[in-house]
Amino acid sequence: MDTREAMLALDAKQSAERDLAAAAHCPAWRHGVFGIMMGAMVASPAVALPWRYFVLAFALAAIPLIVRSDRKRTGMFINGYRRGKTRLVTFAILAALLVLYTLSVRAALSNGDHLTPLLLGIAAAVLATLGSIQWQRVFVREMGA
């Protein structure tokens, strides 16, 4: 392979990454649905055990719906745990949500407090929504768009 071929291959790669970044723009509702899912999980200890399973099932059932929606809208689904700077955003979101969930469980199960998990669920929904938006920004920047 000569220098010209290498430059053409590099240009093609960069063009494909820009196209991928352009296709990866999510509508606001997509970020909101992710936030609601995470907020529901964090708030779930506020409800009695049989209903908690329904809340968690609802949140988990939304995952394949998001995947299907992304694939229908863009032709692809980009995993949040992909390699690169986006992984740092993913782990930061995950760490914060785990702290909120732990506090929620502790408040509900140890203290019988059902208001704190609901408030933490709202905080988690906001955090996850903003985190999803930030993840997309980092991804687009990383892809060179």
Protein backbone atom coordinates (compact mmCIF):
# COMPACT_ATOMS: atom_id res chain seq x y z
CA MET A 1 0.00 0.00 0.00
CA ASP A 2 1.44 3.34 -0.95
CA THR A 3 0.96 6.69 0.79
CA ARG A 4 -1.87 7.73 -1.51
CA GLU A 5 -3.86 4.58 -0.82
CA ALA A 6 -3.29 4.98 2.91
CA MET A 7 -4.53 8.58 2.81
CA LEU A 8 -7.63 7.52 0.85
CA ALA A 9 -8.34 4.76 3.38
CA LEU A 10 -7.92 7.20 6.27
CA ASP A 11 -10.24 9.72 4.58
CA ALA A 12 -12.83 6.99 4.03
CA LYS A 13 -12.62 5.98 7.70
CA GLN A 14 -13.05 9.57 8.87
CA SER A 15 -15.97 10.09 6.50
CA ALA A 16 -17.66 6.94 7.82
CA GLU A 17 -17.17 8.14 11.40
CA ARG A 18 -18.72 11.52 10.57
CA ASP A 19 -21.68 9.76 8.93
CA LEU A 20 -22.06 7.57 12.01
CA ALA A 21 -22.00 10.61 14.30
CA ALA A 22 -24.61 12.40 12.17
CA ALA A 23 -26.88 9.35 12.27
CA ALA A 24 -26.46 8.96 16.03
CA HIS A 25 -28.33 12.14 16.97
CA CYS A 26 -31.19 11.12 19.23
CA PRO A 27 -34.42 13.05 19.62
CA ALA A 28 -35.11 14.54 23.04
CA TRP A 29 -37.74 11.91 23.85
CA ARG A 30 -35.08 9.18 23.55
CA HIS A 31 -32.97 10.77 26.28
CA GLY A 32 -36.11 11.30 28.36
CA VAL A 33 -37.16 7.64 28.09
CA PHE A 34 -33.73 6.57 29.30
CA GLY A 35 -34.06 9.00 32.21
CA ILE A 36 -37.51 7.70 33.12
CA MET A 37 -36.23 4.11 33.03
CA MET A 38 -33.38 4.88 35.39
CA GLY A 39 -35.56 7.04 37.63
CA ALA A 40 -38.11 4.23 37.89
CA MET A 41 -35.41 1.79 38.95
CA VAL A 42 -34.09 4.13 41.63
CA ALA A 43 -37.61 4.95 42.87
CA SER A 44 -38.74 1.30 42.88
CA PRO A 45 -37.99 0.68 46.59
CA ALA A 46 -40.75 3.20 47.40
CA VAL A 47 -43.42 0.66 46.47
CA ALA A 48 -44.33 -2.65 48.08
CA LEU A 49 -42.45 -5.71 46.91
CA PRO A 50 -44.99 -7.20 44.46
CA TRP A 51 -45.37 -3.83 42.71
CA ARG A 52 -41.62 -3.25 42.76
CA TYR A 53 -41.24 -6.19 40.40
CA PHE A 54 -43.65 -4.53 37.96
CA VAL A 55 -41.73 -1.26 38.10
CA LEU A 56 -38.44 -3.03 37.46
CA ALA A 57 -39.99 -5.14 34.69
CA PHE A 58 -41.33 -1.97 33.04
CA ALA A 59 -37.90 -0.36 33.15
CA LEU A 60 -36.16 -3.45 31.80
CA ALA A 61 -38.81 -3.99 29.12
CA ALA A 62 -38.11 -0.52 27.78
CA ILE A 63 -34.55 -1.51 26.84
CA PRO A 64 -35.46 -3.64 23.80
CA LEU A 65 -37.99 -0.98 22.78
CA ILE A 66 -35.23 1.64 22.74
CA VAL A 67 -32.92 -0.70 20.81
CA ARG A 68 -35.66 -1.39 18.26
CA SER A 69 -36.53 2.30 17.97
CA ASP A 70 -32.88 3.26 17.44
CA ARG A 71 -32.43 0.59 14.79
CA LYS A 72 -35.61 1.62 13.02
CA ARG A 73 -34.74 5.33 13.15
CA THR A 74 -31.02 5.13 12.34
CA GLY A 75 -30.36 1.57 11.22
CA MET A 76 -28.14 0.90 14.24
CA PHE A 77 -27.90 0.75 18.01
CA ILE A 78 -24.72 2.06 19.62
CA ASN A 79 -23.84 0.33 22.86
CA GLY A 80 -23.19 2.72 25.74
CA TYR A 81 -20.23 0.64 26.90
CA ARG A 82 -18.29 1.12 23.68
CA ARG A 83 -14.59 1.81 23.89
CA GLY A 84 -13.44 5.42 24.07
CA LYS A 85 -14.28 8.55 26.01
CA THR A 86 -17.96 7.65 26.03
CA ARG A 87 -17.16 4.79 28.38
CA LEU A 88 -16.03 7.32 30.98
CA VAL A 89 -19.39 9.09 30.69
CA THR A 90 -21.20 5.75 30.96
CA PHE A 91 -19.28 4.74 34.09
CA ALA A 92 -19.85 8.15 35.70
CA ILE A 93 -23.60 7.85 35.08
CA LEU A 94 -23.61 4.27 36.33
CA ALA A 95 -21.69 5.15 39.50
CA ALA A 96 -24.03 8.03 40.32
CA LEU A 97 -27.12 5.91 39.68
CA LEU A 98 -25.78 3.10 41.86
CA VAL A 99 -25.22 5.55 44.71
CA LEU A 100 -28.75 6.91 44.31
CA TYR A 101 -30.21 3.39 44.16
CA THR A 102 -28.27 2.34 47.28
CA LEU A 103 -29.55 5.38 49.16
CA SER A 104 -33.06 4.65 47.92
CA VAL A 105 -32.97 1.03 49.08
CA ARG A 106 -31.49 2.01 52.42
CA ALA A 107 -34.14 4.68 53.03
CA ALA A 108 -37.03 2.42 52.09
CA LEU A 109 -35.95 -0.86 53.63
CA SER A 110 -34.07 0.30 56.71
CA ASN A 111 -36.12 3.35 57.65
CA GLY A 112 -39.50 2.65 56.05
CA ASP A 113 -39.16 5.98 54.25
CA HIS A 114 -41.04 5.97 50.94
CA LEU A 115 -40.67 9.64 50.06
CA THR A 116 -36.87 9.65 49.78
CA PRO A 117 -36.79 6.92 47.09
CA LEU A 118 -39.30 8.91 45.03
CA LEU A 119 -37.20 12.07 45.34
CA LEU A 120 -34.05 10.12 44.51
CA GLY A 121 -35.88 8.62 41.53
CA ILE A 122 -36.63 12.11 40.22
CA ALA A 123 -32.99 13.06 40.71
CA ALA A 124 -31.92 9.88 38.91
CA ALA A 125 -34.26 10.61 35.99
CA VAL A 126 -32.79 14.10 35.58
CA LEU A 127 -29.24 12.82 35.97
CA ALA A 128 -29.74 9.97 33.47
CA THR A 129 -31.41 12.26 30.93
CA LEU A 130 -28.60 14.81 31.15
CA GLY A 131 -26.04 12.00 31.14
CA SER A 132 -27.55 10.55 27.97
CA ILE A 133 -27.35 13.94 26.29
CA GLN A 134 -23.73 14.31 27.41
CA TRP A 135 -22.91 10.80 26.18
CA GLN A 136 -24.25 11.70 22.74
CA ARG A 137 -22.21 14.93 22.67
CA VAL A 138 -19.02 13.06 23.56
CA PHE A 139 -19.76 10.39 20.95
CA VAL A 140 -20.37 12.93 18.20
CA ARG A 141 -17.20 14.83 19.14
CA GLU A 142 -15.24 11.58 19.25
CA MET A 143 -16.43 10.66 15.77
CA GLY A 144 -15.21 13.99 14.45
CA ALA A 145 -18.55 15.54 13.57
